[in-house]
Amino acid sequence: RELMARVRSLLRRHGVSASGAVRPPVVLGQLTLTP
């Protein structure tokens, strides 16, 4: 069960938010993150 919790967490990082909307880019100074 813990293994699958870790699996879900890792897969979630590469997907979308719980609401189904794609997270917007994060811009901080010279840094830009595109989820």
PDB file of all heavy atoms in Angstrom:
ATOM      1  N   ARG A   1       0.830  -1.204   0.000  1.00  0.00           N
ATOM      2  CA  ARG A   1       0.000   0.000   0.000  1.00  0.00           C
ATOM      3  C   ARG A   1       0.868   1.258   0.000  1.00  0.00           C
ATOM      4  O   ARG A   1       0.550   2.245  -0.674  1.00  0.00           O
ATOM      5  CB  ARG A   1      -0.930  -0.008   1.215  1.00  0.00           C
ATOM      6  CG  ARG A   1      -1.990  -1.089   1.163  1.00  0.00           C
ATOM      7  CD  ARG A   1      -2.843  -1.085   2.393  1.00  0.00           C
ATOM      8  NE  ARG A   1      -3.590   0.157   2.539  1.00  0.00           N
ATOM      9  CZ  ARG A   1      -4.336   0.459   3.600  1.00  0.00           C
ATOM     10  NH1 ARG A   1      -4.431  -0.395   4.611  1.00  0.00           N
ATOM     11  NH2 ARG A   1      -4.979   1.604   3.652  1.00  0.00           N
ATOM     12  N   GLU A   2       1.976   1.222   0.756  1.00  0.00           N
ATOM     13  CA  GLU A   2       2.874   2.380   0.740  1.00  0.00           C
ATOM     14  C   GLU A   2       3.548   2.513  -0.620  1.00  0.00           C
ATOM     15  O   GLU A   2       3.714   3.618  -1.138  1.00  0.00           O
ATOM     16  CB  GLU A   2       3.932   2.264   1.827  1.00  0.00           C
ATOM     17  CG  GLU A   2       4.859   3.480   1.857  1.00  0.00           C
ATOM     18  CD  GLU A   2       5.870   3.450   2.981  1.00  0.00           C
ATOM     19  OE1 GLU A   2       5.895   2.479   3.755  1.00  0.00           O
ATOM     20  OE2 GLU A   2       6.640   4.433   3.074  1.00  0.00           O
ATOM     21  N   LEU A   3       3.937   1.370  -1.208  1.00  0.00           N
ATOM     22  CA  LEU A   3       4.529   1.410  -2.537  1.00  0.00           C
ATOM     23  C   LEU A   3       3.596   2.096  -3.522  1.00  0.00           C
ATOM     24  O   LEU A   3       4.016   2.979  -4.291  1.00  0.00           O
ATOM     25  CB  LEU A   3       4.838  -0.010  -3.010  1.00  0.00           C
ATOM     26  CG  LEU A   3       5.290  -0.140  -4.470  1.00  0.00           C
ATOM     27  CD1 LEU A   3       6.634   0.533  -4.682  1.00  0.00           C
ATOM     28  CD2 LEU A   3       5.344  -1.601  -4.891  1.00  0.00           C
ATOM     29  N   MET A   4       2.317   1.718  -3.504  1.00  0.00           N
ATOM     30  CA  MET A   4       1.379   2.303  -4.453  1.00  0.00           C
ATOM     31  C   MET A   4       1.120   3.782  -4.142  1.00  0.00           C
ATOM     32  O   MET A   4       0.867   4.574  -5.056  1.00  0.00           O
ATOM     33  CB  MET A   4       0.074   1.514  -4.460  1.00  0.00           C
ATOM     34  CG  MET A   4       0.216   0.079  -4.972  1.00  0.00           C
ATOM     35  SD  MET A   4       1.234  -0.055  -6.485  1.00  0.00           S
ATOM     36  CE  MET A   4       0.335   0.992  -7.620  1.00  0.00           C
ATOM     37  N   ALA A   5       1.195   4.165  -2.868  1.00  0.00           N
ATOM     38  CA  ALA A   5       1.070   5.589  -2.527  1.00  0.00           C
ATOM     39  C   ALA A   5       2.222   6.382  -3.140  1.00  0.00           C
ATOM     40  O   ALA A   5       2.034   7.491  -3.663  1.00  0.00           O
ATOM     41  CB  ALA A   5       1.030   5.770  -1.018  1.00  0.00           C
ATOM     42  N   ARG A   6       3.427   5.814  -3.091  1.00  0.00           N
ATOM     43  CA  ARG A   6       4.581   6.485  -3.698  1.00  0.00           C
ATOM     44  C   ARG A   6       4.430   6.553  -5.220  1.00  0.00           C
ATOM     45  O   ARG A   6       4.783   7.553  -5.843  1.00  0.00           O
ATOM     46  CB  ARG A   6       5.869   5.737  -3.348  1.00  0.00           C
ATOM     47  CG  ARG A   6       6.181   5.592  -1.865  1.00  0.00           C
ATOM     48  CD  ARG A   6       6.613   6.890  -1.232  1.00  0.00           C
ATOM     49  NE  ARG A   6       6.942   6.717   0.160  1.00  0.00           N
ATOM     50  CZ  ARG A   6       8.178   6.712   0.666  1.00  0.00           C
ATOM     51  NH1 ARG A   6       9.212   6.884  -0.130  1.00  0.00           N
ATOM     52  NH2 ARG A   6       8.378   6.553   1.961  1.00  0.00           N
ATOM     53  N   VAL A   7       3.915   5.451  -5.806  1.00  0.00           N
ATOM     54  CA  VAL A   7       3.689   5.427  -7.248  1.00  0.00           C
ATOM     55  C   VAL A   7       2.707   6.518  -7.655  1.00  0.00           C
ATOM     56  O   VAL A   7       2.941   7.271  -8.604  1.00  0.00           O
ATOM     57  CB  VAL A   7       3.179   4.039  -7.695  1.00  0.00           C
ATOM     58  CG1 VAL A   7       2.619   4.084  -9.114  1.00  0.00           C
ATOM     59  CG2 VAL A   7       4.294   3.003  -7.598  1.00  0.00           C
ATOM     60  N   ARG A   8       1.598   6.617  -6.930  1.00  0.00           N
ATOM     61  CA  ARG A   8       0.598   7.649  -7.246  1.00  0.00           C
ATOM     62  C   ARG A   8       1.196   9.046  -7.141  1.00  0.00           C
ATOM     63  O   ARG A   8       0.924   9.926  -7.960  1.00  0.00           O
ATOM     64  CB  ARG A   8      -0.612   7.511  -6.323  1.00  0.00           C
ATOM     65  CG  ARG A   8      -1.493   6.314  -6.630  1.00  0.00           C
ATOM     66  CD  ARG A   8      -2.808   6.393  -5.866  1.00  0.00           C
ATOM     67  NE  ARG A   8      -2.630   6.322  -4.429  1.00  0.00           N
ATOM     68  CZ  ARG A   8      -2.591   5.195  -3.722  1.00  0.00           C
ATOM     69  NH1 ARG A   8      -2.719   4.017  -4.334  1.00  0.00           N
ATOM     70  NH2 ARG A   8      -2.438   5.218  -2.411  1.00  0.00           N
ATOM     71  N   SER A   9       2.027   9.252  -6.109  1.00  0.00           N
ATOM     72  CA  SER A   9       2.644  10.560  -5.907  1.00  0.00           C
ATOM     73  C   SER A   9       3.574  10.914  -7.066  1.00  0.00           C
ATOM     74  O   SER A   9       3.540  12.029  -7.592  1.00  0.00           O
ATOM     75  CB  SER A   9       3.411  10.572  -4.588  1.00  0.00           C
ATOM     76  OG  SER A   9       4.074  11.797  -4.388  1.00  0.00           O
ATOM     77  N   LEU A  10       4.391   9.954  -7.496  1.00  0.00           N
ATOM     78  CA  LEU A  10       5.319  10.226  -8.593  1.00  0.00           C
ATOM     79  C   LEU A  10       4.583  10.466  -9.905  1.00  0.00           C
ATOM     80  O   LEU A  10       4.942  11.362 -10.676  1.00  0.00           O
ATOM     81  CB  LEU A  10       6.293   9.050  -8.742  1.00  0.00           C
ATOM     82  CG  LEU A  10       7.414   8.978  -7.707  1.00  0.00           C
ATOM     83  CD1 LEU A  10       8.159   7.656  -7.823  1.00  0.00           C
ATOM     84  CD2 LEU A  10       8.386  10.136  -7.878  1.00  0.00           C
ATOM     85  N   LEU A  11       3.542   9.676 -10.162  1.00  0.00           N
ATOM     86  CA  LEU A  11       2.775   9.868 -11.392  1.00  0.00           C
ATOM     87  C   LEU A  11       2.042  11.205 -11.379  1.00  0.00           C
ATOM     88  O   LEU A  11       1.925  11.879 -12.407  1.00  0.00           O
ATOM     89  CB  LEU A  11       1.784   8.724 -11.573  1.00  0.00           C
ATOM     90  CG  LEU A  11       2.393   7.363 -11.931  1.00  0.00           C
ATOM     91  CD1 LEU A  11       1.321   6.288 -11.928  1.00  0.00           C
ATOM     92  CD2 LEU A  11       3.098   7.411 -13.284  1.00  0.00           C
ATOM     93  N   ARG A  12       1.550  11.594 -10.187  1.00  0.00           N
ATOM     94  CA  ARG A  12       0.815  12.848 -10.070  1.00  0.00           C
ATOM     95  C   ARG A  12       1.708  14.050 -10.406  1.00  0.00           C
ATOM     96  O   ARG A  12       1.250  15.035 -10.969  1.00  0.00           O
ATOM     97  CB  ARG A  12       0.240  12.976  -8.660  1.00  0.00           C
ATOM     98  CG  ARG A  12      -0.760  14.120  -8.485  1.00  0.00           C
ATOM     99  CD  ARG A  12      -1.558  13.928  -7.219  1.00  0.00           C
ATOM    100  NE  ARG A  12      -0.728  13.749  -6.053  1.00  0.00           N
ATOM    101  CZ  ARG A  12      -0.704  12.620  -5.313  1.00  0.00           C
ATOM    102  NH1 ARG A  12      -1.469  11.595  -5.625  1.00  0.00           N
ATOM    103  NH2 ARG A  12       0.086  12.542  -4.253  1.00  0.00           N
ATOM    104  N   ARG A  13       2.972  13.958 -10.064  1.00  0.00           N
ATOM    105  CA  ARG A  13       3.888  15.058 -10.372  1.00  0.00           C
ATOM    106  C   ARG A  13       3.991  15.300 -11.872  1.00  0.00           C
ATOM    107  O   ARG A  13       4.304  16.406 -12.312  1.00  0.00           O
ATOM    108  CB  ARG A  13       5.299  14.740  -9.859  1.00  0.00           C
ATOM    109  CG  ARG A  13       5.426  14.659  -8.365  1.00  0.00           C
ATOM    110  CD  ARG A  13       6.878  14.383  -8.049  1.00  0.00           C
ATOM    111  NE  ARG A  13       7.054  13.811  -6.726  1.00  0.00           N
ATOM    112  CZ  ARG A  13       8.195  13.310  -6.293  1.00  0.00           C
ATOM    113  NH1 ARG A  13       9.246  13.307  -7.097  1.00  0.00           N
ATOM    114  NH2 ARG A  13       8.302  12.811  -5.082  1.00  0.00           N
ATOM    115  N   HIS A  14       3.756  14.258 -12.662  1.00  0.00           N
ATOM    116  CA  HIS A  14       3.890  14.392 -14.114  1.00  0.00           C
ATOM    117  C   HIS A  14       2.548  14.604 -14.791  1.00  0.00           C
ATOM    118  O   HIS A  14       2.468  14.602 -16.013  1.00  0.00           O
ATOM    119  CB  HIS A  14       4.568  13.148 -14.685  1.00  0.00           C
ATOM    120  CG  HIS A  14       6.046  13.151 -14.465  1.00  0.00           C
ATOM    121  ND1 HIS A  14       6.950  13.354 -15.470  1.00  0.00           N
ATOM    122  CD2 HIS A  14       6.765  13.006 -13.320  1.00  0.00           C
ATOM    123  CE1 HIS A  14       8.172  13.327 -14.964  1.00  0.00           C
ATOM    124  NE2 HIS A  14       8.083  13.120 -13.673  1.00  0.00           N
ATOM    125  N   GLY A  15       1.486  14.780 -14.004  1.00  0.00           N
ATOM    126  CA  GLY A  15       0.174  14.967 -14.587  1.00  0.00           C
ATOM    127  C   GLY A  15      -0.375  16.346 -14.356  1.00  0.00           C
ATOM    128  O   GLY A  15       0.329  17.343 -14.437  1.00  0.00           O
ATOM    129  N   VAL A  16      -1.658  16.415 -14.062  1.00  0.00           N
ATOM    130  CA  VAL A  16      -2.348  17.682 -13.849  1.00  0.00           C
ATOM    131  C   VAL A  16      -2.818  17.748 -12.414  1.00  0.00           C
ATOM    132  O   VAL A  16      -2.686  16.806 -11.639  1.00  0.00           O
ATOM    133  CB  VAL A  16      -3.549  17.823 -14.814  1.00  0.00           C
ATOM    134  CG1 VAL A  16      -3.071  17.815 -16.246  1.00  0.00           C
ATOM    135  CG2 VAL A  16      -4.561  16.715 -14.593  1.00  0.00           C
ATOM    136  N   SER A  17      -3.373  18.890 -12.029  1.00  0.00           N
ATOM    137  CA  SER A  17      -3.865  19.079 -10.677  1.00  0.00           C
ATOM    138  C   SER A  17      -5.108  18.244 -10.450  1.00  0.00           C
ATOM    139  O   SER A  17      -5.715  17.704 -11.368  1.00  0.00           O
ATOM    140  CB  SER A  17      -4.194  20.555 -10.451  1.00  0.00           C
ATOM    141  OG  SER A  17      -5.304  20.920 -11.242  1.00  0.00           O
ATOM    142  N   ALA A  18      -5.515  18.113  -9.185  1.00  0.00           N
ATOM    143  CA  ALA A  18      -6.666  17.300  -8.834  1.00  0.00           C
ATOM    144  C   ALA A  18      -7.937  17.788  -9.495  1.00  0.00           C
ATOM    145  O   ALA A  18      -8.869  17.028  -9.755  1.00  0.00           O
ATOM    146  CB  ALA A  18      -6.845  17.293  -7.306  1.00  0.00           C
ATOM    147  N   SER A  19      -8.028  19.084  -9.826  1.00  0.00           N
ATOM    148  CA  SER A  19      -9.215  19.635 -10.460  1.00  0.00           C
ATOM    149  C   SER A  19      -9.261  19.345 -11.954  1.00  0.00           C
ATOM    150  O   SER A  19     -10.259  19.580 -12.611  1.00  0.00           O
ATOM    151  CB  SER A  19      -9.250  21.158 -10.265  1.00  0.00           C
ATOM    152  OG  SER A  19      -8.164  21.761 -10.949  1.00  0.00           O
ATOM    153  N   GLY A  20      -8.143  18.779 -12.476  1.00  0.00           N
ATOM    154  CA  GLY A  20      -8.081  18.475 -13.893  1.00  0.00           C
ATOM    155  C   GLY A  20      -7.476  19.589 -14.722  1.00  0.00           C
ATOM    156  O   GLY A  20      -7.285  19.441 -15.920  1.00  0.00           O
ATOM    157  N   ALA A  21      -7.180  20.736 -14.119  1.00  0.00           N
ATOM    158  CA  ALA A  21      -6.609  21.859 -14.857  1.00  0.00           C
ATOM    159  C   ALA A  21      -5.084  21.782 -14.828  1.00  0.00           C
ATOM    160  O   ALA A  21      -4.490  21.430 -13.823  1.00  0.00           O
ATOM    161  CB  ALA A  21      -7.057  23.175 -14.234  1.00  0.00           C
ATOM    162  N   VAL A  22      -4.481  22.100 -15.952  1.00  0.00           N
ATOM    163  CA  VAL A  22      -3.025  22.118 -16.015  1.00  0.00           C
ATOM    164  C   VAL A  22      -2.507  23.288 -15.191  1.00  0.00           C
ATOM    165  O   VAL A  22      -2.999  24.408 -15.290  1.00  0.00           O
ATOM    166  CB  VAL A  22      -2.555  22.256 -17.485  1.00  0.00           C
ATOM    167  CG1 VAL A  22      -1.040  22.383 -17.549  1.00  0.00           C
ATOM    168  CG2 VAL A  22      -3.027  21.069 -18.297  1.00  0.00           C
ATOM    169  N   ARG A  23      -1.508  23.028 -14.350  1.00  0.00           N
ATOM    170  CA  ARG A  23      -0.950  24.098 -13.535  1.00  0.00           C
ATOM    171  C   ARG A  23      -0.216  25.093 -14.431  1.00  0.00           C
ATOM    172  O   ARG A  23       0.505  24.696 -15.341  1.00  0.00           O
ATOM    173  CB  ARG A  23       0.002  23.518 -12.481  1.00  0.00           C
ATOM    174  CG  ARG A  23      -0.658  22.521 -11.553  1.00  0.00           C
ATOM    175  CD  ARG A  23       0.206  22.195 -10.345  1.00  0.00           C
ATOM    176  NE  ARG A  23       1.528  21.721 -10.679  1.00  0.00           N
ATOM    177  CZ  ARG A  23       1.820  20.456 -10.987  1.00  0.00           C
ATOM    178  NH1 ARG A  23       0.855  19.555 -11.048  1.00  0.00           N
ATOM    179  NH2 ARG A  23       3.061  20.098 -11.251  1.00  0.00           N
ATOM    180  N   PRO A  24      -0.373  26.398 -14.167  1.00  0.00           N
ATOM    181  CA  PRO A  24       0.276  27.400 -15.015  1.00  0.00           C
ATOM    182  C   PRO A  24       1.779  27.440 -14.749  1.00  0.00           C
ATOM    183  O   PRO A  24       2.265  26.991 -13.702  1.00  0.00           O
ATOM    184  CB  PRO A  24      -0.389  28.704 -14.574  1.00  0.00           C
ATOM    185  CG  PRO A  24      -0.788  28.459 -13.156  1.00  0.00           C
ATOM    186  CD  PRO A  24      -1.183  27.007 -13.098  1.00  0.00           C
ATOM    187  N   PRO A  25       2.549  27.988 -15.690  1.00  0.00           N
ATOM    188  CA  PRO A  25       3.987  28.144 -15.473  1.00  0.00           C
ATOM    189  C   PRO A  25       4.269  29.015 -14.247  1.00  0.00           C
ATOM    190  O   PRO A  25       3.487  29.908 -13.898  1.00  0.00           O
ATOM    191  CB  PRO A  25       4.476  28.821 -16.758  1.00  0.00           C
ATOM    192  CG  PRO A  25       3.458  28.458 -17.783  1.00  0.00           C
ATOM    193  CD  PRO A  25       2.150  28.405 -17.038  1.00  0.00           C
ATOM    194  N   VAL A  26       5.388  28.735 -13.611  1.00  0.00           N
ATOM    195  CA  VAL A  26       5.845  29.510 -12.462  1.00  0.00           C
ATOM    196  C   VAL A  26       7.091  30.273 -12.897  1.00  0.00           C
ATOM    197  O   VAL A  26       8.055  29.674 -13.383  1.00  0.00           O
ATOM    198  CB  VAL A  26       6.174  28.598 -11.260  1.00  0.00           C
ATOM    199  CG1 VAL A  26       6.704  29.429 -10.089  1.00  0.00           C
ATOM    200  CG2 VAL A  26       4.952  27.789 -10.841  1.00  0.00           C
ATOM    201  N   VAL A  27       7.061  31.594 -12.729  1.00  0.00           N
ATOM    202  CA  VAL A  27       8.192  32.428 -13.122  1.00  0.00           C
ATOM    203  C   VAL A  27       8.717  33.141 -11.883  1.00  0.00           C
ATOM    204  O   VAL A  27       7.963  33.814 -11.169  1.00  0.00           O
ATOM    205  CB  VAL A  27       7.792  33.461 -14.194  1.00  0.00           C
ATOM    206  CG1 VAL A  27       8.987  34.325 -14.562  1.00  0.00           C
ATOM    207  CG2 VAL A  27       7.229  32.752 -15.422  1.00  0.00           C
ATOM    208  N   LEU A  28      10.018  32.995 -11.640  1.00  0.00           N
ATOM    209  CA  LEU A  28      10.660  33.650 -10.498  1.00  0.00           C
ATOM    210  C   LEU A  28      12.038  34.108 -10.941  1.00  0.00           C
ATOM    211  O   LEU A  28      12.965  33.296 -11.057  1.00  0.00           O
ATOM    212  CB  LEU A  28      10.759  32.690  -9.306  1.00  0.00           C
ATOM    213  CG  LEU A  28      11.368  33.274  -8.020  1.00  0.00           C
ATOM    214  CD1 LEU A  28      10.481  34.376  -7.453  1.00  0.00           C
ATOM    215  CD2 LEU A  28      11.573  32.180  -6.975  1.00  0.00           C
ATOM    216  N   GLY A  29      12.168  35.398 -11.205  1.00  0.00           N
ATOM    217  CA  GLY A  29      13.449  35.912 -11.684  1.00  0.00           C
ATOM    218  C   GLY A  29      13.836  35.257 -13.000  1.00  0.00           C
ATOM    219  O   GLY A  29      13.073  35.272 -13.969  1.00  0.00           O
ATOM    220  N   GLN A  30      15.016  34.639 -13.041  1.00  0.00           N
ATOM    221  CA  GLN A  30      15.508  33.975 -14.253  1.00  0.00           C
ATOM    222  C   GLN A  30      14.980  32.548 -14.388  1.00  0.00           C
ATOM    223  O   GLN A  30      15.304  31.861 -15.354  1.00  0.00           O
ATOM    224  CB  GLN A  30      17.035  33.938 -14.252  1.00  0.00           C
ATOM    225  CG  GLN A  30      17.710  35.297 -14.228  1.00  0.00           C
ATOM    226  CD  GLN A  30      19.208  35.159 -14.351  1.00  0.00           C
ATOM    227  OE1 GLN A  30      19.759  35.057 -15.440  1.00  0.00           O
ATOM    228  NE2 GLN A  30      19.883  35.146 -13.217  1.00  0.00           N
ATOM    229  N   LEU A  31      14.180  32.113 -13.434  1.00  0.00           N
ATOM    230  CA  LEU A  31      13.702  30.730 -13.388  1.00  0.00           C
ATOM    231  C   LEU A  31      12.272  30.644 -13.920  1.00  0.00           C
ATOM    232  O   LEU A  31      11.404  31.417 -13.516  1.00  0.00           O
ATOM    233  CB  LEU A  31      13.751  30.217 -11.945  1.00  0.00           C
ATOM    234  CG  LEU A  31      13.247  28.796 -11.684  1.00  0.00           C
ATOM    235  CD1 LEU A  31      14.184  27.785 -12.333  1.00  0.00           C
ATOM    236  CD2 LEU A  31      13.157  28.554 -10.176  1.00  0.00           C
ATOM    237  N   THR A  32      12.032  29.688 -14.821  1.00  0.00           N
ATOM    238  CA  THR A  32      10.685  29.414 -15.314  1.00  0.00           C
ATOM    239  C   THR A  32      10.433  27.916 -15.250  1.00  0.00           C
ATOM    240  O   THR A  32      11.224  27.120 -15.787  1.00  0.00           O
ATOM    241  CB  THR A  32      10.492  29.892 -16.761  1.00  0.00           C
ATOM    242  OG1 THR A  32      10.735  31.299 -16.844  1.00  0.00           O
ATOM    243  CG2 THR A  32       9.075  29.606 -17.241  1.00  0.00           C
ATOM    244  N   LEU A  33       9.342  27.528 -14.591  1.00  0.00           N
ATOM    245  CA  LEU A  33       8.942  26.129 -14.486  1.00  0.00           C
ATOM    246  C   LEU A  33       7.630  25.939 -15.235  1.00  0.00           C
ATOM    247  O   LEU A  33       6.682  26.693 -15.018  1.00  0.00           O
ATOM    248  CB  LEU A  33       8.746  25.729 -13.019  1.00  0.00           C
ATOM    249  CG  LEU A  33       9.892  26.035 -12.047  1.00  0.00           C
ATOM    250  CD1 LEU A  33       9.478  25.676 -10.624  1.00  0.00           C
ATOM    251  CD2 LEU A  33      11.129  25.266 -12.435  1.00  0.00           C
ATOM    252  N   THR A  34       7.574  24.920 -16.076  1.00  0.00           N
ATOM    253  CA  THR A  34       6.357  24.627 -16.831  1.00  0.00           C
ATOM    254  C   THR A  34       5.852  23.248 -16.421  1.00  0.00           C
ATOM    255  O   THR A  34       6.353  22.231 -16.908  1.00  0.00           O
ATOM    256  CB  THR A  34       6.620  24.665 -18.348  1.00  0.00           C
ATOM    257  OG1 THR A  34       7.235  25.916 -18.691  1.00  0.00           O
ATOM    258  CG2 THR A  34       5.318  24.510 -19.124  1.00  0.00           C
ATOM    259  N   PRO A  35       4.862  23.186 -15.506  1.00  0.00           N
ATOM    260  CA  PRO A  35       4.391  21.889 -15.014  1.00  0.00           C
ATOM    261  C   PRO A  35       3.856  20.964 -16.101  1.00  0.00           C
ATOM    262  O   PRO A  35       4.015  19.744 -16.004  1.00  0.00           O
ATOM    263  CB  PRO A  35       3.291  22.277 -14.021  1.00  0.00           C
ATOM    264  CG  PRO A  35       3.656  23.653 -13.563  1.00  0.00           C
ATOM    265  CD  PRO A  35       4.251  24.308 -14.778  1.00  0.00           C
TER     266      PRO A  35
END
